[in-house]
Amino acid sequence: MKCQQAQEWMSERLDGVLEEPRLLSLEEHLGQCAGCAVEWKELQASWELLGQLPEMEPGPLFRAKVWEKIRLEPAPSRTLWSVWRRWIGGVAVAAGLVLVVNLFSTPPATTPAPAVVAAAPVPEWDVDFEVIPSVDALAQEEPLDESLPLGHLSDDYLACSELALDETLEGH
């Protein structure tokens, strides 16, 4: 057994999940390799010290503080280069797909032209939908208060969206 394999199995042994055949091989290696035996004793001592530490739990507002920091972080700037780079990347991928399809597709067999079928008339829909603006659009129209409670904006937005959808479905 190599020392690297023994070191990996030491962690499994501490966790109590090392299988019997591997446990025997590890014990044999520790009996023959002084370096690994010293490392095993140090690892056991460290494990015992860690077991004596009290468990720590985050405070009740930890999650809210993290989300608040994320919300207040400025949005990434969209430079002209980043927009072009994304657009060019999409065009390159599409061109590559077209090229691959054209290279590997077989030409269709010559078949007689299909008979012309009259198209069915397309029904006209008289539906007037109200588009609900995005949160970003709302923020641009009226600056958000920095002390806005976490989640307040999204809850209001969802409530308005649900109300608008209900009105639309009831009216038509």
N, C-alpha and C. Protein backbone atom coordinates (compact mmCIF):
# COMPACT_ATOMS: atom_id res chain seq x y z
N MET A 1 0.84 -1.17 0.00
CA MET A 1 0.00 0.00 0.00
C MET A 1 0.89 1.24 0.00
N LYS A 2 0.48 2.25 -0.74
CA LYS A 2 1.22 3.51 -0.79
C LYS A 2 0.74 4.42 0.33
N CYS A 3 1.64 5.32 0.74
CA CYS A 3 1.32 6.24 1.84
C CYS A 3 0.13 7.14 1.50
N GLN A 4 0.02 7.55 0.25
CA GLN A 4 -1.09 8.42 -0.14
C GLN A 4 -2.44 7.70 0.06
N GLN A 5 -2.51 6.44 -0.31
CA GLN A 5 -3.74 5.66 -0.12
C GLN A 5 -4.04 5.51 1.36
N ALA A 6 -3.01 5.27 2.17
CA ALA A 6 -3.20 5.13 3.62
C ALA A 6 -3.75 6.42 4.21
N GLN A 7 -3.25 7.56 3.76
CA GLN A 7 -3.72 8.85 4.28
C GLN A 7 -5.19 9.08 3.94
N GLU A 8 -5.60 8.67 2.76
CA GLU A 8 -7.02 8.80 2.39
C GLU A 8 -7.89 7.91 3.28
N TRP A 9 -7.41 6.72 3.57
CA TRP A 9 -8.18 5.77 4.37
C TRP A 9 -8.21 6.17 5.84
N MET A 10 -7.24 6.96 6.29
CA MET A 10 -7.24 7.41 7.69
C MET A 10 -8.48 8.24 7.99
N SER A 11 -8.86 9.11 7.06
CA SER A 11 -10.06 9.93 7.26
C SER A 11 -11.31 9.06 7.33
N GLU A 12 -11.37 8.05 6.46
CA GLU A 12 -12.53 7.16 6.47
C GLU A 12 -12.59 6.38 7.78
N ARG A 13 -11.42 6.02 8.31
CA ARG A 13 -11.39 5.29 9.58
C ARG A 13 -11.88 6.17 10.72
N LEU A 14 -11.47 7.44 10.71
CA LEU A 14 -11.95 8.37 11.75
C LEU A 14 -13.46 8.54 11.68
N ASP A 15 -14.00 8.54 10.47
CA ASP A 15 -15.45 8.69 10.30
C ASP A 15 -16.20 7.40 10.60
N GLY A 16 -15.48 6.29 10.73
CA GLY A 16 -16.11 5.01 11.02
C GLY A 16 -16.74 4.35 9.82
N VAL A 17 -16.29 4.69 8.61
CA VAL A 17 -16.89 4.12 7.40
C VAL A 17 -15.92 3.27 6.60
N LEU A 18 -14.72 3.03 7.14
CA LEU A 18 -13.73 2.23 6.42
C LEU A 18 -14.11 0.75 6.51
N GLU A 19 -14.17 0.10 5.36
CA GLU A 19 -14.58 -1.30 5.30
C GLU A 19 -13.48 -2.20 5.87
N GLU A 20 -13.89 -3.38 6.33
CA GLU A 20 -12.99 -4.31 7.04
C GLU A 20 -11.71 -4.66 6.28
N PRO A 21 -11.78 -5.04 4.99
CA PRO A 21 -10.52 -5.39 4.29
C PRO A 21 -9.56 -4.20 4.22
N ARG A 22 -10.10 -3.03 3.98
CA ARG A 22 -9.25 -1.84 3.92
C ARG A 22 -8.70 -1.49 5.30
N LEU A 23 -9.51 -1.69 6.32
CA LEU A 23 -9.06 -1.42 7.69
C LEU A 23 -7.85 -2.28 8.03
N LEU A 24 -7.92 -3.55 7.66
CA LEU A 24 -6.80 -4.45 7.92
C LEU A 24 -5.55 -4.02 7.15
N SER A 25 -5.72 -3.62 5.89
CA SER A 25 -4.59 -3.15 5.09
C SER A 25 -3.98 -1.89 5.69
N LEU A 26 -4.84 -0.99 6.18
CA LEU A 26 -4.36 0.25 6.80
C LEU A 26 -3.58 -0.06 8.07
N GLU A 27 -4.11 -0.95 8.90
CA GLU A 27 -3.43 -1.33 10.14
C GLU A 27 -2.05 -1.92 9.83
N GLU A 28 -2.00 -2.76 8.82
CA GLU A 28 -0.73 -3.37 8.44
C GLU A 28 0.27 -2.30 7.98
N HIS A 29 -0.21 -1.34 7.18
CA HIS A 29 0.66 -0.27 6.70
C HIS A 29 1.16 0.61 7.85
N LEU A 30 0.26 0.94 8.79
CA LEU A 30 0.66 1.76 9.93
C LEU A 30 1.71 1.05 10.79
N GLY A 31 1.66 -0.28 10.83
CA GLY A 31 2.66 -1.04 11.57
C GLY A 31 4.02 -1.04 10.90
N GLN A 32 4.04 -0.84 9.58
CA GLN A 32 5.29 -0.90 8.83
C GLN A 32 5.87 0.48 8.50
N CYS A 33 5.04 1.51 8.43
CA CYS A 33 5.48 2.85 7.99
C CYS A 33 5.45 3.80 9.18
N ALA A 34 6.64 4.21 9.64
CA ALA A 34 6.73 5.09 10.81
C ALA A 34 6.13 6.47 10.52
N GLY A 35 6.31 6.99 9.30
CA GLY A 35 5.78 8.31 8.93
C GLY A 35 4.26 8.34 9.01
N CYS A 36 3.63 7.33 8.47
CA CYS A 36 2.16 7.27 8.48
C CYS A 36 1.65 7.02 9.90
N ALA A 37 2.40 6.26 10.70
CA ALA A 37 1.99 5.99 12.08
C ALA A 37 1.98 7.29 12.89
N VAL A 38 3.01 8.14 12.68
CA VAL A 38 3.05 9.43 13.37
C VAL A 38 1.90 10.32 12.91
N GLU A 39 1.67 10.34 11.61
CA GLU A 39 0.57 11.16 11.08
C GLU A 39 -0.78 10.67 11.62
N TRP A 40 -0.96 9.34 11.75
CA TRP A 40 -2.20 8.79 12.29
C TRP A 40 -2.42 9.25 13.73
N LYS A 41 -1.37 9.22 14.56
CA LYS A 41 -1.50 9.66 15.95
C LYS A 41 -1.84 11.15 16.02
N GLU A 42 -1.24 11.98 15.17
CA GLU A 42 -1.54 13.41 15.14
C GLU A 42 -2.97 13.66 14.68
N LEU A 43 -3.40 12.89 13.69
CA LEU A 43 -4.77 13.03 13.19
C LEU A 43 -5.79 12.65 14.26
N GLN A 44 -5.50 11.57 15.01
CA GLN A 44 -6.40 11.16 16.09
C GLN A 44 -6.47 12.24 17.18
N ALA A 45 -5.31 12.82 17.55
CA ALA A 45 -5.29 13.87 18.58
C ALA A 45 -6.08 15.08 18.12
N SER A 46 -5.91 15.48 16.85
CA SER A 46 -6.66 16.62 16.31
C SER A 46 -8.16 16.34 16.34
N TRP A 47 -8.53 15.12 15.97
CA TRP A 47 -9.94 14.74 15.93
C TRP A 47 -10.57 14.81 17.32
N GLU A 48 -9.81 14.37 18.32
CA GLU A 48 -10.31 14.43 19.70
C GLU A 48 -10.48 15.87 20.17
N LEU A 49 -9.54 16.75 19.80
CA LEU A 49 -9.66 18.16 20.17
C LEU A 49 -10.87 18.79 19.50
N LEU A 50 -11.09 18.47 18.25
CA LEU A 50 -12.26 19.01 17.55
C LEU A 50 -13.56 18.53 18.20
N GLY A 51 -13.57 17.30 18.70
CA GLY A 51 -14.76 16.76 19.35
C GLY A 51 -15.09 17.48 20.64
N GLN A 52 -14.13 18.15 21.25
CA GLN A 52 -14.36 18.86 22.52
C GLN A 52 -14.92 20.26 22.31
N LEU A 53 -14.86 20.78 21.10
CA LEU A 53 -15.38 22.12 20.83
C LEU A 53 -16.90 22.12 20.84
N PRO A 54 -17.51 23.20 21.36
CA PRO A 54 -18.98 23.27 21.32
C PRO A 54 -19.45 23.54 19.89
N GLU A 55 -20.63 23.05 19.58
CA GLU A 55 -21.20 23.30 18.26
C GLU A 55 -21.63 24.75 18.17
N MET A 56 -21.38 25.34 17.02
CA MET A 56 -21.76 26.74 16.81
C MET A 56 -22.85 26.80 15.75
N GLU A 57 -23.82 27.66 15.99
CA GLU A 57 -24.88 27.87 15.02
C GLU A 57 -24.93 29.35 14.67
N PRO A 58 -25.25 29.67 13.42
CA PRO A 58 -25.34 31.09 13.06
C PRO A 58 -26.51 31.74 13.79
N GLY A 59 -26.41 33.06 13.95
CA GLY A 59 -27.46 33.80 14.63
C GLY A 59 -28.76 33.77 13.83
N PRO A 60 -29.86 34.19 14.45
CA PRO A 60 -31.15 34.11 13.78
C PRO A 60 -31.26 35.03 12.55
N LEU A 61 -30.47 36.09 12.49
CA LEU A 61 -30.56 37.01 11.36
C LEU A 61 -29.47 36.79 10.32
N PHE A 62 -28.70 35.73 10.45
CA PHE A 62 -27.58 35.50 9.55
C PHE A 62 -28.03 35.44 8.09
N ARG A 63 -29.03 34.63 7.79
CA ARG A 63 -29.51 34.48 6.42
C ARG A 63 -30.05 35.80 5.87
N ALA A 64 -30.81 36.53 6.69
CA ALA A 64 -31.35 37.81 6.24
C ALA A 64 -30.24 38.81 5.94
N LYS A 65 -29.18 38.82 6.75
CA LYS A 65 -28.07 39.74 6.52
C LYS A 65 -27.33 39.39 5.23
N VAL A 66 -27.17 38.11 4.95
CA VAL A 66 -26.49 37.71 3.72
C VAL A 66 -27.31 38.16 2.51
N TRP A 67 -28.61 37.93 2.52
CA TRP A 67 -29.45 38.33 1.39
C TRP A 67 -29.51 39.85 1.25
N GLU A 68 -29.47 40.56 2.37
CA GLU A 68 -29.48 42.01 2.31
C GLU A 68 -28.20 42.52 1.66
N LYS A 69 -27.05 41.93 1.99
CA LYS A 69 -25.79 42.33 1.36
C LYS A 69 -25.82 42.03 -0.13
N ILE A 70 -26.39 40.92 -0.50
CA ILE A 70 -26.49 40.58 -1.92
C ILE A 70 -27.39 41.59 -2.63
N ARG A 71 -28.49 41.95 -2.00
CA ARG A 71 -29.42 42.90 -2.62
C ARG A 71 -28.80 44.27 -2.80
N LEU A 72 -27.99 44.71 -1.85
CA LEU A 72 -27.39 46.03 -1.91
C LEU A 72 -26.15 46.09 -2.79
N GLU A 73 -25.64 44.93 -3.20
CA GLU A 73 -24.46 44.92 -4.05
C GLU A 73 -24.82 45.50 -5.41
N PRO A 74 -23.97 46.37 -5.95
CA PRO A 74 -24.31 46.99 -7.23
C PRO A 74 -24.37 45.94 -8.35
N ALA A 75 -25.26 46.19 -9.28
CA ALA A 75 -25.40 45.28 -10.42
C ALA A 75 -24.16 45.37 -11.28
N PRO A 76 -23.77 44.26 -11.91
CA PRO A 76 -22.60 44.31 -12.78
C PRO A 76 -22.85 45.25 -13.95
N SER A 77 -21.81 45.99 -14.31
CA SER A 77 -21.97 46.95 -15.40
C SER A 77 -22.01 46.22 -16.73
N ARG A 78 -22.84 46.70 -17.59
CA ARG A 78 -22.97 46.10 -18.91
C ARG A 78 -22.31 47.04 -19.91
N THR A 79 -21.09 46.75 -20.23
CA THR A 79 -20.37 47.55 -21.20
C THR A 79 -20.74 47.11 -22.60
N LEU A 80 -20.43 47.97 -23.54
CA LEU A 80 -20.72 47.64 -24.94
C LEU A 80 -19.95 46.40 -25.36
N TRP A 81 -18.73 46.25 -24.86
CA TRP A 81 -17.92 45.08 -25.21
C TRP A 81 -18.56 43.80 -24.69
N SER A 82 -19.08 43.82 -23.46
CA SER A 82 -19.67 42.59 -22.92
C SER A 82 -20.91 42.19 -23.70
N VAL A 83 -21.70 43.17 -24.15
CA VAL A 83 -22.89 42.88 -24.95
C VAL A 83 -22.47 42.30 -26.30
N TRP A 84 -21.49 42.93 -26.95
CA TRP A 84 -21.02 42.45 -28.24
C TRP A 84 -20.41 41.06 -28.12
N ARG A 85 -19.63 40.84 -27.07
CA ARG A 85 -18.98 39.55 -26.89
C ARG A 85 -20.02 38.45 -26.75
N ARG A 86 -21.07 38.71 -26.00
CA ARG A 86 -22.13 37.72 -25.85
C ARG A 86 -22.84 37.47 -27.17
N TRP A 87 -23.12 38.55 -27.91
CA TRP A 87 -23.83 38.44 -29.17
C TRP A 87 -22.98 37.68 -30.17
N ILE A 88 -21.69 38.00 -30.25
CA ILE A 88 -20.79 37.34 -31.19
C ILE A 88 -20.65 35.86 -30.83
N GLY A 89 -20.58 35.56 -29.54
CA GLY A 89 -20.50 34.16 -29.11
C GLY A 89 -21.73 33.37 -29.55
N GLY A 90 -22.91 33.96 -29.41
CA GLY A 90 -24.13 33.29 -29.83
C GLY A 90 -24.17 33.06 -31.34
N VAL A 91 -23.73 34.05 -32.09
CA VAL A 91 -23.70 33.91 -33.55
C VAL A 91 -22.71 32.82 -33.95
N ALA A 92 -21.55 32.77 -33.27
CA ALA A 92 -20.55 31.76 -33.59
C ALA A 92 -21.08 30.35 -33.31
N VAL A 93 -21.77 30.18 -32.21
CA VAL A 93 -22.34 28.87 -31.88
C VAL A 93 -23.39 28.48 -32.92
N ALA A 94 -24.26 29.42 -33.29
CA ALA A 94 -25.29 29.13 -34.28
C ALA A 94 -24.67 28.77 -35.62
N ALA A 95 -23.64 29.52 -36.03
CA ALA A 95 -22.98 29.23 -37.30
C ALA A 95 -22.32 27.86 -37.26
N GLY A 96 -21.72 27.53 -36.14
CA GLY A 96 -21.11 26.20 -36.00
C GLY A 96 -22.13 25.09 -36.12
N LEU A 97 -23.27 25.27 -35.49
CA LEU A 97 -24.33 24.25 -35.57
C LEU A 97 -24.84 24.08 -37.01
N VAL A 98 -25.02 25.20 -37.70
CA VAL A 98 -25.47 25.14 -39.09
C VAL A 98 -24.44 24.41 -39.94
N LEU A 99 -23.17 24.71 -39.72
CA LEU A 99 -22.10 24.06 -40.47
C LEU A 99 -22.08 22.55 -40.21
N VAL A 100 -22.19 22.16 -38.94
CA VAL A 100 -22.17 20.73 -38.60
C VAL A 100 -23.36 20.02 -39.22
N VAL A 101 -24.54 20.62 -39.14
CA VAL A 101 -25.73 19.99 -39.71
C VAL A 101 -25.58 19.85 -41.22
N ASN A 102 -25.05 20.87 -41.87
CA ASN A 102 -24.88 20.81 -43.32
C ASN A 102 -23.82 19.78 -43.73
N LEU A 103 -22.78 19.64 -42.93
CA LEU A 103 -21.72 18.69 -43.27
C LEU A 103 -22.18 17.24 -43.13
N PHE A 104 -22.96 16.98 -42.10
CA PHE A 104 -23.32 15.60 -41.81
C PHE A 104 -24.71 15.19 -42.29
N SER A 105 -25.44 16.09 -42.89
CA SER A 105 -26.78 15.71 -43.37
C SER A 105 -26.65 15.19 -44.80
N THR A 106 -27.50 14.25 -45.11
CA THR A 106 -27.52 13.69 -46.46
C THR A 106 -28.52 14.48 -47.28
N PRO A 107 -28.24 14.68 -48.55
CA PRO A 107 -29.19 15.43 -49.37
C PRO A 107 -30.48 14.63 -49.51
N PRO A 108 -31.60 15.32 -49.52
CA PRO A 108 -32.88 14.60 -49.64
C PRO A 108 -33.02 13.95 -51.02
N ALA A 109 -33.70 12.82 -51.02
CA ALA A 109 -33.97 12.15 -52.29
C ALA A 109 -34.95 12.99 -53.08
N THR A 110 -34.85 12.93 -54.39
CA THR A 110 -35.75 13.72 -55.21
C THR A 110 -37.14 13.11 -55.13
N THR A 111 -38.06 13.93 -54.71
CA THR A 111 -39.45 13.49 -54.61
C THR A 111 -40.30 14.52 -55.32
N PRO A 112 -41.43 14.10 -55.79
CA PRO A 112 -42.29 15.08 -56.47
C PRO A 112 -42.75 16.15 -55.47
N ALA A 113 -42.97 17.32 -55.99
CA ALA A 113 -43.40 18.44 -55.15
C ALA A 113 -44.78 18.14 -54.57
N PRO A 114 -44.99 18.47 -53.30
CA PRO A 114 -46.30 18.19 -52.71
C PRO A 114 -47.36 19.11 -53.29
N ALA A 115 -48.57 18.63 -53.24
CA ALA A 115 -49.68 19.43 -53.73
C ALA A 115 -49.86 20.64 -52.82
N VAL A 116 -50.28 21.72 -53.40
CA VAL A 116 -50.48 22.94 -52.64
C VAL A 116 -51.77 22.81 -51.84
N VAL A 117 -51.66 23.06 -50.56
CA VAL A 117 -52.82 22.96 -49.68
C VAL A 117 -53.19 24.37 -49.26
N ALA A 118 -54.46 24.65 -49.31
CA ALA A 118 -54.93 25.98 -48.92
C ALA A 118 -54.76 26.15 -47.42
N ALA A 119 -54.23 27.27 -47.03
CA ALA A 119 -54.01 27.54 -45.60
C ALA A 119 -55.33 27.91 -44.94
N ALA A 120 -55.51 27.40 -43.73
CA ALA A 120 -56.72 27.73 -42.98
C ALA A 120 -56.61 29.17 -42.50
N PRO A 121 -57.72 29.87 -42.44
CA PRO A 121 -57.66 31.27 -41.96
C PRO A 121 -57.20 31.30 -40.50
N VAL A 122 -56.37 32.27 -40.19
CA VAL A 122 -55.86 32.43 -38.84
C VAL A 122 -56.86 33.27 -38.05
N PRO A 123 -57.34 32.74 -36.92
CA PRO A 123 -58.31 33.53 -36.15
C PRO A 123 -57.63 34.75 -35.53
N GLU A 124 -58.40 35.83 -35.47
CA GLU A 124 -57.89 37.03 -34.83
C GLU A 124 -58.36 37.04 -33.39
N TRP A 125 -57.43 37.33 -32.50
CA TRP A 125 -57.72 37.36 -31.08
C TRP A 125 -57.83 38.81 -30.63
N ASP A 126 -58.90 39.09 -29.96
CA ASP A 126 -59.09 40.44 -29.44
C ASP A 126 -58.80 40.40 -27.93
N VAL A 127 -57.53 40.32 -27.60
CA VAL A 127 -57.12 40.22 -26.20
C VAL A 127 -56.17 41.37 -25.90
N ASP A 128 -56.41 42.05 -24.81
CA ASP A 128 -55.56 43.17 -24.42
C ASP A 128 -54.89 42.80 -23.10
N PHE A 129 -53.59 42.51 -23.17
CA PHE A 129 -52.84 42.14 -21.98
C PHE A 129 -52.10 43.35 -21.44
N GLU A 130 -52.09 43.47 -20.12
CA GLU A 130 -51.31 44.52 -19.48
C GLU A 130 -49.99 43.90 -19.05
N VAL A 131 -48.91 44.47 -19.50
CA VAL A 131 -47.59 43.94 -19.16
C VAL A 131 -47.15 44.54 -17.84
N ILE A 132 -46.74 43.66 -16.93
CA ILE A 132 -46.27 44.12 -15.62
C ILE A 132 -44.78 44.40 -15.75
N PRO A 133 -44.34 45.58 -15.36
CA PRO A 133 -42.92 45.92 -15.53
C PRO A 133 -42.03 45.09 -14.61
N SER A 134 -40.76 44.96 -14.99
CA SER A 134 -39.81 44.24 -14.17
C SER A 134 -39.44 45.07 -12.95
N VAL A 135 -38.81 44.42 -11.97
CA VAL A 135 -38.39 45.11 -10.76
C VAL A 135 -37.37 46.19 -11.12
N ASP A 136 -36.48 45.91 -12.08
CA ASP A 136 -35.49 46.90 -12.49
C ASP A 136 -36.16 48.13 -13.08
N ALA A 137 -37.21 47.92 -13.91
CA ALA A 137 -37.91 49.05 -14.50
C ALA A 137 -38.59 49.88 -13.42
N LEU A 138 -39.17 49.22 -12.44
CA LEU A 138 -39.80 49.96 -11.35
C LEU A 138 -38.78 50.77 -10.57
N ALA A 139 -37.61 50.20 -10.38
CA ALA A 139 -36.56 50.88 -9.62
C ALA A 139 -36.06 52.11 -10.37
N GLN A 140 -36.07 52.07 -11.70
CA GLN A 140 -35.61 53.22 -12.47
C GLN A 140 -36.63 54.34 -12.45
N GLU A 141 -37.91 54.01 -12.43
CA GLU A 141 -38.94 55.04 -12.39
C GLU A 141 -38.94 55.78 -11.06
N GLU A 142 -38.85 55.04 -9.99
CA GLU A 142 -38.90 55.64 -8.67
C GLU A 142 -37.80 54.99 -7.83
N PRO A 143 -36.82 55.77 -7.35
CA PRO A 143 -35.71 55.17 -6.60
C PRO A 143 -36.21 54.41 -5.38
N LEU A 144 -35.60 53.27 -5.14
CA LEU A 144 -35.98 52.45 -3.99
C LEU A 144 -35.38 53.04 -2.72
N ASP A 145 -36.12 52.94 -1.66
CA ASP A 145 -35.63 53.37 -0.36
C ASP A 145 -34.58 52.36 0.10
N GLU A 146 -33.41 52.84 0.54
CA GLU A 146 -32.34 51.94 0.95
C GLU A 146 -32.73 51.10 2.16
N SER A 147 -33.67 51.57 2.96
CA SER A 147 -34.05 50.83 4.16
C SER A 147 -35.23 49.90 3.90
N LEU A 148 -35.49 49.58 2.65
CA LEU A 148 -36.58 48.69 2.29
C LEU A 148 -36.37 47.33 2.94
N PRO A 149 -37.34 46.81 3.67
CA PRO A 149 -37.15 45.51 4.33
C PRO A 149 -36.88 44.43 3.28
N LEU A 150 -36.08 43.46 3.68
CA LEU A 150 -35.71 42.37 2.79
C LEU A 150 -36.95 41.61 2.33
N GLY A 151 -37.10 41.46 1.04
CA GLY A 151 -38.21 40.71 0.49
C GLY A 151 -39.47 41.53 0.26
N HIS A 152 -39.52 42.77 0.74
CA HIS A 152 -40.71 43.59 0.62
C HIS A 152 -41.08 43.83 -0.84
N LEU A 153 -40.09 44.21 -1.64
CA LEU A 153 -40.34 44.52 -3.04
C LEU A 153 -40.83 43.29 -3.79
N SER A 154 -40.19 42.14 -3.57
CA SER A 154 -40.58 40.95 -4.31
C SER A 154 -41.98 40.48 -3.91
N ASP A 155 -42.34 40.61 -2.63
CA ASP A 155 -43.68 40.22 -2.20
C ASP A 155 -44.74 41.10 -2.86
N ASP A 156 -44.51 42.42 -2.88
CA ASP A 156 -45.46 43.32 -3.52
C ASP A 156 -45.57 43.03 -5.01
N TYR A 157 -44.44 42.79 -5.63
CA TYR A 157 -44.43 42.53 -7.06
C TYR A 157 -45.23 41.27 -7.38
N LEU A 158 -45.02 40.21 -6.60
CA LEU A 158 -45.75 38.97 -6.83
C LEU A 158 -47.25 39.16 -6.58
N ALA A 159 -47.59 39.93 -5.56
CA ALA A 159 -49.00 40.16 -5.27
C ALA A 159 -49.66 40.90 -6.44
N CYS A 160 -48.98 41.92 -6.98
CA CYS A 160 -49.53 42.67 -8.11
C CYS A 160 -49.64 41.77 -9.34
N SER A 161 -48.64 40.92 -9.55
CA SER A 161 -48.66 40.03 -10.70
C SER A 161 -49.85 39.08 -10.62
N GLU A 162 -50.08 38.53 -9.43
CA GLU A 162 -51.18 37.60 -9.26
C GLU A 162 -52.52 38.30 -9.48
N LEU A 163 -52.66 39.51 -8.95
CA LEU A 163 -53.90 40.27 -9.11
C LEU A 163 -54.14 40.58 -10.58
N ALA A 164 -53.11 41.01 -11.30
CA ALA A 164 -53.26 41.34 -12.72
C ALA A 164 -53.63 40.10 -13.52
N LEU A 165 -53.03 38.96 -13.20
CA LEU A 165 -53.35 37.73 -13.91
C LEU A 165 -54.80 37.32 -13.65
N ASP A 166 -55.24 37.42 -12.39
CA ASP A 166 -56.63 37.10 -12.08
C ASP A 166 -57.61 37.98 -12.84
N GLU A 167 -57.32 39.30 -12.89
CA GLU A 167 -58.20 40.22 -13.61
C GLU A 167 -58.23 39.89 -15.09
N THR A 168 -57.09 39.53 -15.65
CA THR A 168 -57.02 39.22 -17.07
C THR A 168 -57.82 37.97 -17.38
N LEU A 169 -57.66 36.95 -16.54
CA LEU A 169 -58.38 35.70 -16.79
C LEU A 169 -59.88 35.84 -16.57
N GLU A 170 -60.30 36.65 -15.61
CA GLU A 170 -61.73 36.84 -15.36
C GLU A 170 -62.38 37.65 -16.46
N GLY A 171 -61.64 38.59 -17.05
CA GLY A 171 -62.21 39.48 -18.07
C GLY A 171 -62.37 38.81 -19.41
N HIS A 172 -61.68 37.70 -19.65
CA HIS A 172 -61.73 37.08 -20.98
C HIS A 172 -62.14 35.67 -20.90
